[in-house]
Amino acid sequence: SWGNAALTFVALAIVYWTVVPFVTW
């Protein structure tokens, strides 16, 4: 559904914003 798709993209954005800086650090 549109809601599940939005939640999926939000979760992927959170993972990207936390994992990439951690790996870089």
PDBML (XML) file of the C-alpha atoms, coordinates in Angstrom:
<?xml version="1.0" encoding="UTF-8" ?>
<PDBx:datablock datablockName="MODEL"
   xmlns:PDBx="http://pdbml.pdb.org/schema/pdbx-v50.xsd"
   xmlns:xsi="http://www.w3.org/2001/XMLSchema-instance"
   xsi:schemaLocation="http://pdbml.pdb.org/schema/pdbx-v50.xsd pdbx-v50.xsd">
   <PDBx:atom_siteCategory>
      <PDBx:atom_site id="1">
         <PDBx:B_iso_or_equiv>0.00</PDBx:B_iso_or_equiv>
         <PDBx:Cartn_x>0.000</PDBx:Cartn_x>
         <PDBx:Cartn_y>0.000</PDBx:Cartn_y>
         <PDBx:Cartn_z>0.000</PDBx:Cartn_z>
         <PDBx:auth_asym_id>A</PDBx:auth_asym_id>
         <PDBx:auth_atom_id>CA</PDBx:auth_atom_id>
         <PDBx:auth_comp_id>SER</PDBx:auth_comp_id>
         <PDBx:auth_seq_id>1</PDBx:auth_seq_id>
         <PDBx:group_PDB>ATOM</PDBx:group_PDB>
         <PDBx:label_alt_id xsi:nil="true" />
         <PDBx:label_asym_id>A</PDBx:label_asym_id>
         <PDBx:label_atom_id>CA</PDBx:label_atom_id>
         <PDBx:label_comp_id>SER</PDBx:label_comp_id>
         <PDBx:label_entity_id>1</PDBx:label_entity_id>
         <PDBx:label_seq_id>1</PDBx:label_seq_id>
         <PDBx:occupancy>1.00</PDBx:occupancy>
         <PDBx:pdbx_PDB_model_num>1</PDBx:pdbx_PDB_model_num>
         <PDBx:type_symbol>C</PDBx:type_symbol>
      </PDBx:atom_site>
      <PDBx:atom_site id="2">
         <PDBx:B_iso_or_equiv>0.00</PDBx:B_iso_or_equiv>
         <PDBx:Cartn_x>1.049</PDBx:Cartn_x>
         <PDBx:Cartn_y>3.655</PDBx:Cartn_y>
         <PDBx:Cartn_z>-0.181</PDBx:Cartn_z>
         <PDBx:auth_asym_id>A</PDBx:auth_asym_id>
         <PDBx:auth_atom_id>CA</PDBx:auth_atom_id>
         <PDBx:auth_comp_id>TRP</PDBx:auth_comp_id>
         <PDBx:auth_seq_id>2</PDBx:auth_seq_id>
         <PDBx:group_PDB>ATOM</PDBx:group_PDB>
         <PDBx:label_alt_id xsi:nil="true" />
         <PDBx:label_asym_id>A</PDBx:label_asym_id>
         <PDBx:label_atom_id>CA</PDBx:label_atom_id>
         <PDBx:label_comp_id>TRP</PDBx:label_comp_id>
         <PDBx:label_entity_id>1</PDBx:label_entity_id>
         <PDBx:label_seq_id>2</PDBx:label_seq_id>
         <PDBx:occupancy>1.00</PDBx:occupancy>
         <PDBx:pdbx_PDB_model_num>1</PDBx:pdbx_PDB_model_num>
         <PDBx:type_symbol>C</PDBx:type_symbol>
      </PDBx:atom_site>
      <PDBx:atom_site id="3">
         <PDBx:B_iso_or_equiv>0.00</PDBx:B_iso_or_equiv>
         <PDBx:Cartn_x>1.479</PDBx:Cartn_x>
         <PDBx:Cartn_y>3.709</PDBx:Cartn_y>
         <PDBx:Cartn_z>3.593</PDBx:Cartn_z>
         <PDBx:auth_asym_id>A</PDBx:auth_asym_id>
         <PDBx:auth_atom_id>CA</PDBx:auth_atom_id>
         <PDBx:auth_comp_id>GLY</PDBx:auth_comp_id>
         <PDBx:auth_seq_id>3</PDBx:auth_seq_id>
         <PDBx:group_PDB>ATOM</PDBx:group_PDB>
         <PDBx:label_alt_id xsi:nil="true" />
         <PDBx:label_asym_id>A</PDBx:label_asym_id>
         <PDBx:label_atom_id>CA</PDBx:label_atom_id>
         <PDBx:label_comp_id>GLY</PDBx:label_comp_id>
         <PDBx:label_entity_id>1</PDBx:label_entity_id>
         <PDBx:label_seq_id>3</PDBx:label_seq_id>
         <PDBx:occupancy>1.00</PDBx:occupancy>
         <PDBx:pdbx_PDB_model_num>1</PDBx:pdbx_PDB_model_num>
         <PDBx:type_symbol>C</PDBx:type_symbol>
      </PDBx:atom_site>
      <PDBx:atom_site id="4">
         <PDBx:B_iso_or_equiv>0.00</PDBx:B_iso_or_equiv>
         <PDBx:Cartn_x>3.723</PDBx:Cartn_x>
         <PDBx:Cartn_y>0.633</PDBx:Cartn_y>
         <PDBx:Cartn_z>3.616</PDBx:Cartn_z>
         <PDBx:auth_asym_id>A</PDBx:auth_asym_id>
         <PDBx:auth_atom_id>CA</PDBx:auth_atom_id>
         <PDBx:auth_comp_id>ASN</PDBx:auth_comp_id>
         <PDBx:auth_seq_id>4</PDBx:auth_seq_id>
         <PDBx:group_PDB>ATOM</PDBx:group_PDB>
         <PDBx:label_alt_id xsi:nil="true" />
         <PDBx:label_asym_id>A</PDBx:label_asym_id>
         <PDBx:label_atom_id>CA</PDBx:label_atom_id>
         <PDBx:label_comp_id>ASN</PDBx:label_comp_id>
         <PDBx:label_entity_id>1</PDBx:label_entity_id>
         <PDBx:label_seq_id>4</PDBx:label_seq_id>
         <PDBx:occupancy>1.00</PDBx:occupancy>
         <PDBx:pdbx_PDB_model_num>1</PDBx:pdbx_PDB_model_num>
         <PDBx:type_symbol>C</PDBx:type_symbol>
      </PDBx:atom_site>
      <PDBx:atom_site id="5">
         <PDBx:B_iso_or_equiv>0.00</PDBx:B_iso_or_equiv>
         <PDBx:Cartn_x>5.758</PDBx:Cartn_x>
         <PDBx:Cartn_y>2.046</PDBx:Cartn_y>
         <PDBx:Cartn_z>0.737</PDBx:Cartn_z>
         <PDBx:auth_asym_id>A</PDBx:auth_asym_id>
         <PDBx:auth_atom_id>CA</PDBx:auth_atom_id>
         <PDBx:auth_comp_id>ALA</PDBx:auth_comp_id>
         <PDBx:auth_seq_id>5</PDBx:auth_seq_id>
         <PDBx:group_PDB>ATOM</PDBx:group_PDB>
         <PDBx:label_alt_id xsi:nil="true" />
         <PDBx:label_asym_id>A</PDBx:label_asym_id>
         <PDBx:label_atom_id>CA</PDBx:label_atom_id>
         <PDBx:label_comp_id>ALA</PDBx:label_comp_id>
         <PDBx:label_entity_id>1</PDBx:label_entity_id>
         <PDBx:label_seq_id>5</PDBx:label_seq_id>
         <PDBx:occupancy>1.00</PDBx:occupancy>
         <PDBx:pdbx_PDB_model_num>1</PDBx:pdbx_PDB_model_num>
         <PDBx:type_symbol>C</PDBx:type_symbol>
      </PDBx:atom_site>
      <PDBx:atom_site id="6">
         <PDBx:B_iso_or_equiv>0.00</PDBx:B_iso_or_equiv>
         <PDBx:Cartn_x>6.224</PDBx:Cartn_x>
         <PDBx:Cartn_y>5.348</PDBx:Cartn_y>
         <PDBx:Cartn_z>2.603</PDBx:Cartn_z>
         <PDBx:auth_asym_id>A</PDBx:auth_asym_id>
         <PDBx:auth_atom_id>CA</PDBx:auth_atom_id>
         <PDBx:auth_comp_id>ALA</PDBx:auth_comp_id>
         <PDBx:auth_seq_id>6</PDBx:auth_seq_id>
         <PDBx:group_PDB>ATOM</PDBx:group_PDB>
         <PDBx:label_alt_id xsi:nil="true" />
         <PDBx:label_asym_id>A</PDBx:label_asym_id>
         <PDBx:label_atom_id>CA</PDBx:label_atom_id>
         <PDBx:label_comp_id>ALA</PDBx:label_comp_id>
         <PDBx:label_entity_id>1</PDBx:label_entity_id>
         <PDBx:label_seq_id>6</PDBx:label_seq_id>
         <PDBx:occupancy>1.00</PDBx:occupancy>
         <PDBx:pdbx_PDB_model_num>1</PDBx:pdbx_PDB_model_num>
         <PDBx:type_symbol>C</PDBx:type_symbol>
      </PDBx:atom_site>
      <PDBx:atom_site id="7">
         <PDBx:B_iso_or_equiv>0.00</PDBx:B_iso_or_equiv>
         <PDBx:Cartn_x>7.250</PDBx:Cartn_x>
         <PDBx:Cartn_y>3.509</PDBx:Cartn_y>
         <PDBx:Cartn_z>5.787</PDBx:Cartn_z>
         <PDBx:auth_asym_id>A</PDBx:auth_asym_id>
         <PDBx:auth_atom_id>CA</PDBx:auth_atom_id>
         <PDBx:auth_comp_id>LEU</PDBx:auth_comp_id>
         <PDBx:auth_seq_id>7</PDBx:auth_seq_id>
         <PDBx:group_PDB>ATOM</PDBx:group_PDB>
         <PDBx:label_alt_id xsi:nil="true" />
         <PDBx:label_asym_id>A</PDBx:label_asym_id>
         <PDBx:label_atom_id>CA</PDBx:label_atom_id>
         <PDBx:label_comp_id>LEU</PDBx:label_comp_id>
         <PDBx:label_entity_id>1</PDBx:label_entity_id>
         <PDBx:label_seq_id>7</PDBx:label_seq_id>
         <PDBx:occupancy>1.00</PDBx:occupancy>
         <PDBx:pdbx_PDB_model_num>1</PDBx:pdbx_PDB_model_num>
         <PDBx:type_symbol>C</PDBx:type_symbol>
      </PDBx:atom_site>
      <PDBx:atom_site id="8">
         <PDBx:B_iso_or_equiv>0.00</PDBx:B_iso_or_equiv>
         <PDBx:Cartn_x>9.691</PDBx:Cartn_x>
         <PDBx:Cartn_y>1.395</PDBx:Cartn_y>
         <PDBx:Cartn_z>3.779</PDBx:Cartn_z>
         <PDBx:auth_asym_id>A</PDBx:auth_asym_id>
         <PDBx:auth_atom_id>CA</PDBx:auth_atom_id>
         <PDBx:auth_comp_id>THR</PDBx:auth_comp_id>
         <PDBx:auth_seq_id>8</PDBx:auth_seq_id>
         <PDBx:group_PDB>ATOM</PDBx:group_PDB>
         <PDBx:label_alt_id xsi:nil="true" />
         <PDBx:label_asym_id>A</PDBx:label_asym_id>
         <PDBx:label_atom_id>CA</PDBx:label_atom_id>
         <PDBx:label_comp_id>THR</PDBx:label_comp_id>
         <PDBx:label_entity_id>1</PDBx:label_entity_id>
         <PDBx:label_seq_id>8</PDBx:label_seq_id>
         <PDBx:occupancy>1.00</PDBx:occupancy>
         <PDBx:pdbx_PDB_model_num>1</PDBx:pdbx_PDB_model_num>
         <PDBx:type_symbol>C</PDBx:type_symbol>
      </PDBx:atom_site>
      <PDBx:atom_site id="9">
         <PDBx:B_iso_or_equiv>0.00</PDBx:B_iso_or_equiv>
         <PDBx:Cartn_x>11.344</PDBx:Cartn_x>
         <PDBx:Cartn_y>4.484</PDBx:Cartn_y>
         <PDBx:Cartn_z>2.277</PDBx:Cartn_z>
         <PDBx:auth_asym_id>A</PDBx:auth_asym_id>
         <PDBx:auth_atom_id>CA</PDBx:auth_atom_id>
         <PDBx:auth_comp_id>PHE</PDBx:auth_comp_id>
         <PDBx:auth_seq_id>9</PDBx:auth_seq_id>
         <PDBx:group_PDB>ATOM</PDBx:group_PDB>
         <PDBx:label_alt_id xsi:nil="true" />
         <PDBx:label_asym_id>A</PDBx:label_asym_id>
         <PDBx:label_atom_id>CA</PDBx:label_atom_id>
         <PDBx:label_comp_id>PHE</PDBx:label_comp_id>
         <PDBx:label_entity_id>1</PDBx:label_entity_id>
         <PDBx:label_seq_id>9</PDBx:label_seq_id>
         <PDBx:occupancy>1.00</PDBx:occupancy>
         <PDBx:pdbx_PDB_model_num>1</PDBx:pdbx_PDB_model_num>
         <PDBx:type_symbol>C</PDBx:type_symbol>
      </PDBx:atom_site>
      <PDBx:atom_site id="10">
         <PDBx:B_iso_or_equiv>0.00</PDBx:B_iso_or_equiv>
         <PDBx:Cartn_x>11.486</PDBx:Cartn_x>
         <PDBx:Cartn_y>6.220</PDBx:Cartn_y>
         <PDBx:Cartn_z>5.674</PDBx:Cartn_z>
         <PDBx:auth_asym_id>A</PDBx:auth_asym_id>
         <PDBx:auth_atom_id>CA</PDBx:auth_atom_id>
         <PDBx:auth_comp_id>VAL</PDBx:auth_comp_id>
         <PDBx:auth_seq_id>10</PDBx:auth_seq_id>
         <PDBx:group_PDB>ATOM</PDBx:group_PDB>
         <PDBx:label_alt_id xsi:nil="true" />
         <PDBx:label_asym_id>A</PDBx:label_asym_id>
         <PDBx:label_atom_id>CA</PDBx:label_atom_id>
         <PDBx:label_comp_id>VAL</PDBx:label_comp_id>
         <PDBx:label_entity_id>1</PDBx:label_entity_id>
         <PDBx:label_seq_id>10</PDBx:label_seq_id>
         <PDBx:occupancy>1.00</PDBx:occupancy>
         <PDBx:pdbx_PDB_model_num>1</PDBx:pdbx_PDB_model_num>
         <PDBx:type_symbol>C</PDBx:type_symbol>
      </PDBx:atom_site>
      <PDBx:atom_site id="11">
         <PDBx:B_iso_or_equiv>0.00</PDBx:B_iso_or_equiv>
         <PDBx:Cartn_x>13.113</PDBx:Cartn_x>
         <PDBx:Cartn_y>3.127</PDBx:Cartn_y>
         <PDBx:Cartn_z>7.213</PDBx:Cartn_z>
         <PDBx:auth_asym_id>A</PDBx:auth_asym_id>
         <PDBx:auth_atom_id>CA</PDBx:auth_atom_id>
         <PDBx:auth_comp_id>ALA</PDBx:auth_comp_id>
         <PDBx:auth_seq_id>11</PDBx:auth_seq_id>
         <PDBx:group_PDB>ATOM</PDBx:group_PDB>
         <PDBx:label_alt_id xsi:nil="true" />
         <PDBx:label_asym_id>A</PDBx:label_asym_id>
         <PDBx:label_atom_id>CA</PDBx:label_atom_id>
         <PDBx:label_comp_id>ALA</PDBx:label_comp_id>
         <PDBx:label_entity_id>1</PDBx:label_entity_id>
         <PDBx:label_seq_id>11</PDBx:label_seq_id>
         <PDBx:occupancy>1.00</PDBx:occupancy>
         <PDBx:pdbx_PDB_model_num>1</PDBx:pdbx_PDB_model_num>
         <PDBx:type_symbol>C</PDBx:type_symbol>
      </PDBx:atom_site>
      <PDBx:atom_site id="12">
         <PDBx:B_iso_or_equiv>0.00</PDBx:B_iso_or_equiv>
         <PDBx:Cartn_x>15.636</PDBx:Cartn_x>
         <PDBx:Cartn_y>2.929</PDBx:Cartn_y>
         <PDBx:Cartn_z>4.359</PDBx:Cartn_z>
         <PDBx:auth_asym_id>A</PDBx:auth_asym_id>
         <PDBx:auth_atom_id>CA</PDBx:auth_atom_id>
         <PDBx:auth_comp_id>LEU</PDBx:auth_comp_id>
         <PDBx:auth_seq_id>12</PDBx:auth_seq_id>
         <PDBx:group_PDB>ATOM</PDBx:group_PDB>
         <PDBx:label_alt_id xsi:nil="true" />
         <PDBx:label_asym_id>A</PDBx:label_asym_id>
         <PDBx:label_atom_id>CA</PDBx:label_atom_id>
         <PDBx:label_comp_id>LEU</PDBx:label_comp_id>
         <PDBx:label_entity_id>1</PDBx:label_entity_id>
         <PDBx:label_seq_id>12</PDBx:label_seq_id>
         <PDBx:occupancy>1.00</PDBx:occupancy>
         <PDBx:pdbx_PDB_model_num>1</PDBx:pdbx_PDB_model_num>
         <PDBx:type_symbol>C</PDBx:type_symbol>
      </PDBx:atom_site>
      <PDBx:atom_site id="13">
         <PDBx:B_iso_or_equiv>0.00</PDBx:B_iso_or_equiv>
         <PDBx:Cartn_x>16.452</PDBx:Cartn_x>
         <PDBx:Cartn_y>6.643</PDBx:Cartn_y>
         <PDBx:Cartn_z>4.791</PDBx:Cartn_z>
         <PDBx:auth_asym_id>A</PDBx:auth_asym_id>
         <PDBx:auth_atom_id>CA</PDBx:auth_atom_id>
         <PDBx:auth_comp_id>ALA</PDBx:auth_comp_id>
         <PDBx:auth_seq_id>13</PDBx:auth_seq_id>
         <PDBx:group_PDB>ATOM</PDBx:group_PDB>
         <PDBx:label_alt_id xsi:nil="true" />
         <PDBx:label_asym_id>A</PDBx:label_asym_id>
         <PDBx:label_atom_id>CA</PDBx:label_atom_id>
         <PDBx:label_comp_id>ALA</PDBx:label_comp_id>
         <PDBx:label_entity_id>1</PDBx:label_entity_id>
         <PDBx:label_seq_id>13</PDBx:label_seq_id>
         <PDBx:occupancy>1.00</PDBx:occupancy>
         <PDBx:pdbx_PDB_model_num>1</PDBx:pdbx_PDB_model_num>
         <PDBx:type_symbol>C</PDBx:type_symbol>
      </PDBx:atom_site>
      <PDBx:atom_site id="14">
         <PDBx:B_iso_or_equiv>0.00</PDBx:B_iso_or_equiv>
         <PDBx:Cartn_x>17.009</PDBx:Cartn_x>
         <PDBx:Cartn_y>6.183</PDBx:Cartn_y>
         <PDBx:Cartn_z>8.535</PDBx:Cartn_z>
         <PDBx:auth_asym_id>A</PDBx:auth_asym_id>
         <PDBx:auth_atom_id>CA</PDBx:auth_atom_id>
         <PDBx:auth_comp_id>ILE</PDBx:auth_comp_id>
         <PDBx:auth_seq_id>14</PDBx:auth_seq_id>
         <PDBx:group_PDB>ATOM</PDBx:group_PDB>
         <PDBx:label_alt_id xsi:nil="true" />
         <PDBx:label_asym_id>A</PDBx:label_asym_id>
         <PDBx:label_atom_id>CA</PDBx:label_atom_id>
         <PDBx:label_comp_id>ILE</PDBx:label_comp_id>
         <PDBx:label_entity_id>1</PDBx:label_entity_id>
         <PDBx:label_seq_id>14</PDBx:label_seq_id>
         <PDBx:occupancy>1.00</PDBx:occupancy>
         <PDBx:pdbx_PDB_model_num>1</PDBx:pdbx_PDB_model_num>
         <PDBx:type_symbol>C</PDBx:type_symbol>
      </PDBx:atom_site>
      <PDBx:atom_site id="15">
         <PDBx:B_iso_or_equiv>0.00</PDBx:B_iso_or_equiv>
         <PDBx:Cartn_x>19.268</PDBx:Cartn_x>
         <PDBx:Cartn_y>3.196</PDBx:Cartn_y>
         <PDBx:Cartn_z>7.898</PDBx:Cartn_z>
         <PDBx:auth_asym_id>A</PDBx:auth_asym_id>
         <PDBx:auth_atom_id>CA</PDBx:auth_atom_id>
         <PDBx:auth_comp_id>VAL</PDBx:auth_comp_id>
         <PDBx:auth_seq_id>15</PDBx:auth_seq_id>
         <PDBx:group_PDB>ATOM</PDBx:group_PDB>
         <PDBx:label_alt_id xsi:nil="true" />
         <PDBx:label_asym_id>A</PDBx:label_asym_id>
         <PDBx:label_atom_id>CA</PDBx:label_atom_id>
         <PDBx:label_comp_id>VAL</PDBx:label_comp_id>
         <PDBx:label_entity_id>1</PDBx:label_entity_id>
         <PDBx:label_seq_id>15</PDBx:label_seq_id>
         <PDBx:occupancy>1.00</PDBx:occupancy>
         <PDBx:pdbx_PDB_model_num>1</PDBx:pdbx_PDB_model_num>
         <PDBx:type_symbol>C</PDBx:type_symbol>
      </PDBx:atom_site>
      <PDBx:atom_site id="16">
         <PDBx:B_iso_or_equiv>0.00</PDBx:B_iso_or_equiv>
         <PDBx:Cartn_x>21.196</PDBx:Cartn_x>
         <PDBx:Cartn_y>5.173</PDBx:Cartn_y>
         <PDBx:Cartn_z>5.276</PDBx:Cartn_z>
         <PDBx:auth_asym_id>A</PDBx:auth_asym_id>
         <PDBx:auth_atom_id>CA</PDBx:auth_atom_id>
         <PDBx:auth_comp_id>TYR</PDBx:auth_comp_id>
         <PDBx:auth_seq_id>16</PDBx:auth_seq_id>
         <PDBx:group_PDB>ATOM</PDBx:group_PDB>
         <PDBx:label_alt_id xsi:nil="true" />
         <PDBx:label_asym_id>A</PDBx:label_asym_id>
         <PDBx:label_atom_id>CA</PDBx:label_atom_id>
         <PDBx:label_comp_id>TYR</PDBx:label_comp_id>
         <PDBx:label_entity_id>1</PDBx:label_entity_id>
         <PDBx:label_seq_id>16</PDBx:label_seq_id>
         <PDBx:occupancy>1.00</PDBx:occupancy>
         <PDBx:pdbx_PDB_model_num>1</PDBx:pdbx_PDB_model_num>
         <PDBx:type_symbol>C</PDBx:type_symbol>
      </PDBx:atom_site>
      <PDBx:atom_site id="17">
         <PDBx:B_iso_or_equiv>0.00</PDBx:B_iso_or_equiv>
         <PDBx:Cartn_x>21.592</PDBx:Cartn_x>
         <PDBx:Cartn_y>8.240</PDBx:Cartn_y>
         <PDBx:Cartn_z>7.535</PDBx:Cartn_z>
         <PDBx:auth_asym_id>A</PDBx:auth_asym_id>
         <PDBx:auth_atom_id>CA</PDBx:auth_atom_id>
         <PDBx:auth_comp_id>TRP</PDBx:auth_comp_id>
         <PDBx:auth_seq_id>17</PDBx:auth_seq_id>
         <PDBx:group_PDB>ATOM</PDBx:group_PDB>
         <PDBx:label_alt_id xsi:nil="true" />
         <PDBx:label_asym_id>A</PDBx:label_asym_id>
         <PDBx:label_atom_id>CA</PDBx:label_atom_id>
         <PDBx:label_comp_id>TRP</PDBx:label_comp_id>
         <PDBx:label_entity_id>1</PDBx:label_entity_id>
         <PDBx:label_seq_id>17</PDBx:label_seq_id>
         <PDBx:occupancy>1.00</PDBx:occupancy>
         <PDBx:pdbx_PDB_model_num>1</PDBx:pdbx_PDB_model_num>
         <PDBx:type_symbol>C</PDBx:type_symbol>
      </PDBx:atom_site>
      <PDBx:atom_site id="18">
         <PDBx:B_iso_or_equiv>0.00</PDBx:B_iso_or_equiv>
         <PDBx:Cartn_x>22.854</PDBx:Cartn_x>
         <PDBx:Cartn_y>6.124</PDBx:Cartn_y>
         <PDBx:Cartn_z>10.443</PDBx:Cartn_z>
         <PDBx:auth_asym_id>A</PDBx:auth_asym_id>
         <PDBx:auth_atom_id>CA</PDBx:auth_atom_id>
         <PDBx:auth_comp_id>THR</PDBx:auth_comp_id>
         <PDBx:auth_seq_id>18</PDBx:auth_seq_id>
         <PDBx:group_PDB>ATOM</PDBx:group_PDB>
         <PDBx:label_alt_id xsi:nil="true" />
         <PDBx:label_asym_id>A</PDBx:label_asym_id>
         <PDBx:label_atom_id>CA</PDBx:label_atom_id>
         <PDBx:label_comp_id>THR</PDBx:label_comp_id>
         <PDBx:label_entity_id>1</PDBx:label_entity_id>
         <PDBx:label_seq_id>18</PDBx:label_seq_id>
         <PDBx:occupancy>1.00</PDBx:occupancy>
         <PDBx:pdbx_PDB_model_num>1</PDBx:pdbx_PDB_model_num>
         <PDBx:type_symbol>C</PDBx:type_symbol>
      </PDBx:atom_site>
      <PDBx:atom_site id="19">
         <PDBx:B_iso_or_equiv>0.00</PDBx:B_iso_or_equiv>
         <PDBx:Cartn_x>24.857</PDBx:Cartn_x>
         <PDBx:Cartn_y>3.312</PDBx:Cartn_y>
         <PDBx:Cartn_z>8.841</PDBx:Cartn_z>
         <PDBx:auth_asym_id>A</PDBx:auth_asym_id>
         <PDBx:auth_atom_id>CA</PDBx:auth_atom_id>
         <PDBx:auth_comp_id>VAL</PDBx:auth_comp_id>
         <PDBx:auth_seq_id>19</PDBx:auth_seq_id>
         <PDBx:group_PDB>ATOM</PDBx:group_PDB>
         <PDBx:label_alt_id xsi:nil="true" />
         <PDBx:label_asym_id>A</PDBx:label_asym_id>
         <PDBx:label_atom_id>CA</PDBx:label_atom_id>
         <PDBx:label_comp_id>VAL</PDBx:label_comp_id>
         <PDBx:label_entity_id>1</PDBx:label_entity_id>
         <PDBx:label_seq_id>19</PDBx:label_seq_id>
         <PDBx:occupancy>1.00</PDBx:occupancy>
         <PDBx:pdbx_PDB_model_num>1</PDBx:pdbx_PDB_model_num>
         <PDBx:type_symbol>C</PDBx:type_symbol>
      </PDBx:atom_site>
      <PDBx:atom_site id="20">
         <PDBx:B_iso_or_equiv>0.00</PDBx:B_iso_or_equiv>
         <PDBx:Cartn_x>26.822</PDBx:Cartn_x>
         <PDBx:Cartn_y>5.350</PDBx:Cartn_y>
         <PDBx:Cartn_z>6.287</PDBx:Cartn_z>
         <PDBx:auth_asym_id>A</PDBx:auth_asym_id>
         <PDBx:auth_atom_id>CA</PDBx:auth_atom_id>
         <PDBx:auth_comp_id>VAL</PDBx:auth_comp_id>
         <PDBx:auth_seq_id>20</PDBx:auth_seq_id>
         <PDBx:group_PDB>ATOM</PDBx:group_PDB>
         <PDBx:label_alt_id xsi:nil="true" />
         <PDBx:label_asym_id>A</PDBx:label_asym_id>
         <PDBx:label_atom_id>CA</PDBx:label_atom_id>
         <PDBx:label_comp_id>VAL</PDBx:label_comp_id>
         <PDBx:label_entity_id>1</PDBx:label_entity_id>
         <PDBx:label_seq_id>20</PDBx:label_seq_id>
         <PDBx:occupancy>1.00</PDBx:occupancy>
         <PDBx:pdbx_PDB_model_num>1</PDBx:pdbx_PDB_model_num>
         <PDBx:type_symbol>C</PDBx:type_symbol>
      </PDBx:atom_site>
      <PDBx:atom_site id="21">
         <PDBx:B_iso_or_equiv>0.00</PDBx:B_iso_or_equiv>
         <PDBx:Cartn_x>28.170</PDBx:Cartn_x>
         <PDBx:Cartn_y>7.884</PDBx:Cartn_y>
         <PDBx:Cartn_z>8.840</PDBx:Cartn_z>
         <PDBx:auth_asym_id>A</PDBx:auth_asym_id>
         <PDBx:auth_atom_id>CA</PDBx:auth_atom_id>
         <PDBx:auth_comp_id>PRO</PDBx:auth_comp_id>
         <PDBx:auth_seq_id>21</PDBx:auth_seq_id>
         <PDBx:group_PDB>ATOM</PDBx:group_PDB>
         <PDBx:label_alt_id xsi:nil="true" />
         <PDBx:label_asym_id>A</PDBx:label_asym_id>
         <PDBx:label_atom_id>CA</PDBx:label_atom_id>
         <PDBx:label_comp_id>PRO</PDBx:label_comp_id>
         <PDBx:label_entity_id>1</PDBx:label_entity_id>
         <PDBx:label_seq_id>21</PDBx:label_seq_id>
         <PDBx:occupancy>1.00</PDBx:occupancy>
         <PDBx:pdbx_PDB_model_num>1</PDBx:pdbx_PDB_model_num>
         <PDBx:type_symbol>C</PDBx:type_symbol>
      </PDBx:atom_site>
      <PDBx:atom_site id="22">
         <PDBx:B_iso_or_equiv>0.00</PDBx:B_iso_or_equiv>
         <PDBx:Cartn_x>28.990</PDBx:Cartn_x>
         <PDBx:Cartn_y>5.065</PDBx:Cartn_y>
         <PDBx:Cartn_z>11.263</PDBx:Cartn_z>
         <PDBx:auth_asym_id>A</PDBx:auth_asym_id>
         <PDBx:auth_atom_id>CA</PDBx:auth_atom_id>
         <PDBx:auth_comp_id>PHE</PDBx:auth_comp_id>
         <PDBx:auth_seq_id>22</PDBx:auth_seq_id>
         <PDBx:group_PDB>ATOM</PDBx:group_PDB>
         <PDBx:label_alt_id xsi:nil="true" />
         <PDBx:label_asym_id>A</PDBx:label_asym_id>
         <PDBx:label_atom_id>CA</PDBx:label_atom_id>
         <PDBx:label_comp_id>PHE</PDBx:label_comp_id>
         <PDBx:label_entity_id>1</PDBx:label_entity_id>
         <PDBx:label_seq_id>22</PDBx:label_seq_id>
         <PDBx:occupancy>1.00</PDBx:occupancy>
         <PDBx:pdbx_PDB_model_num>1</PDBx:pdbx_PDB_model_num>
         <PDBx:type_symbol>C</PDBx:type_symbol>
      </PDBx:atom_site>
      <PDBx:atom_site id="23">
         <PDBx:B_iso_or_equiv>0.00</PDBx:B_iso_or_equiv>
         <PDBx:Cartn_x>30.923</PDBx:Cartn_x>
         <PDBx:Cartn_y>3.103</PDBx:Cartn_y>
         <PDBx:Cartn_z>8.628</PDBx:Cartn_z>
         <PDBx:auth_asym_id>A</PDBx:auth_asym_id>
         <PDBx:auth_atom_id>CA</PDBx:auth_atom_id>
         <PDBx:auth_comp_id>VAL</PDBx:auth_comp_id>
         <PDBx:auth_seq_id>23</PDBx:auth_seq_id>
         <PDBx:group_PDB>ATOM</PDBx:group_PDB>
         <PDBx:label_alt_id xsi:nil="true" />
         <PDBx:label_asym_id>A</PDBx:label_asym_id>
         <PDBx:label_atom_id>CA</PDBx:label_atom_id>
         <PDBx:label_comp_id>VAL</PDBx:label_comp_id>
         <PDBx:label_entity_id>1</PDBx:label_entity_id>
         <PDBx:label_seq_id>23</PDBx:label_seq_id>
         <PDBx:occupancy>1.00</PDBx:occupancy>
         <PDBx:pdbx_PDB_model_num>1</PDBx:pdbx_PDB_model_num>
         <PDBx:type_symbol>C</PDBx:type_symbol>
      </PDBx:atom_site>
      <PDBx:atom_site id="24">
         <PDBx:B_iso_or_equiv>0.00</PDBx:B_iso_or_equiv>
         <PDBx:Cartn_x>32.722</PDBx:Cartn_x>
         <PDBx:Cartn_y>6.283</PDBx:Cartn_y>
         <PDBx:Cartn_z>7.584</PDBx:Cartn_z>
         <PDBx:auth_asym_id>A</PDBx:auth_asym_id>
         <PDBx:auth_atom_id>CA</PDBx:auth_atom_id>
         <PDBx:auth_comp_id>THR</PDBx:auth_comp_id>
         <PDBx:auth_seq_id>24</PDBx:auth_seq_id>
         <PDBx:group_PDB>ATOM</PDBx:group_PDB>
         <PDBx:label_alt_id xsi:nil="true" />
         <PDBx:label_asym_id>A</PDBx:label_asym_id>
         <PDBx:label_atom_id>CA</PDBx:label_atom_id>
         <PDBx:label_comp_id>THR</PDBx:label_comp_id>
         <PDBx:label_entity_id>1</PDBx:label_entity_id>
         <PDBx:label_seq_id>24</PDBx:label_seq_id>
         <PDBx:occupancy>1.00</PDBx:occupancy>
         <PDBx:pdbx_PDB_model_num>1</PDBx:pdbx_PDB_model_num>
         <PDBx:type_symbol>C</PDBx:type_symbol>
      </PDBx:atom_site>
      <PDBx:atom_site id="25">
         <PDBx:B_iso_or_equiv>0.00</PDBx:B_iso_or_equiv>
         <PDBx:Cartn_x>33.647</PDBx:Cartn_x>
         <PDBx:Cartn_y>7.068</PDBx:Cartn_y>
         <PDBx:Cartn_z>11.200</PDBx:Cartn_z>
         <PDBx:auth_asym_id>A</PDBx:auth_asym_id>
         <PDBx:auth_atom_id>CA</PDBx:auth_atom_id>
         <PDBx:auth_comp_id>TRP</PDBx:auth_comp_id>
         <PDBx:auth_seq_id>25</PDBx:auth_seq_id>
         <PDBx:group_PDB>ATOM</PDBx:group_PDB>
         <PDBx:label_alt_id xsi:nil="true" />
         <PDBx:label_asym_id>A</PDBx:label_asym_id>
         <PDBx:label_atom_id>CA</PDBx:label_atom_id>
         <PDBx:label_comp_id>TRP</PDBx:label_comp_id>
         <PDBx:label_entity_id>1</PDBx:label_entity_id>
         <PDBx:label_seq_id>25</PDBx:label_seq_id>
         <PDBx:occupancy>1.00</PDBx:occupancy>
         <PDBx:pdbx_PDB_model_num>1</PDBx:pdbx_PDB_model_num>
         <PDBx:type_symbol>C</PDBx:type_symbol>
      </PDBx:atom_site>
   </PDBx:atom_siteCategory>
</PDBx:datablock>
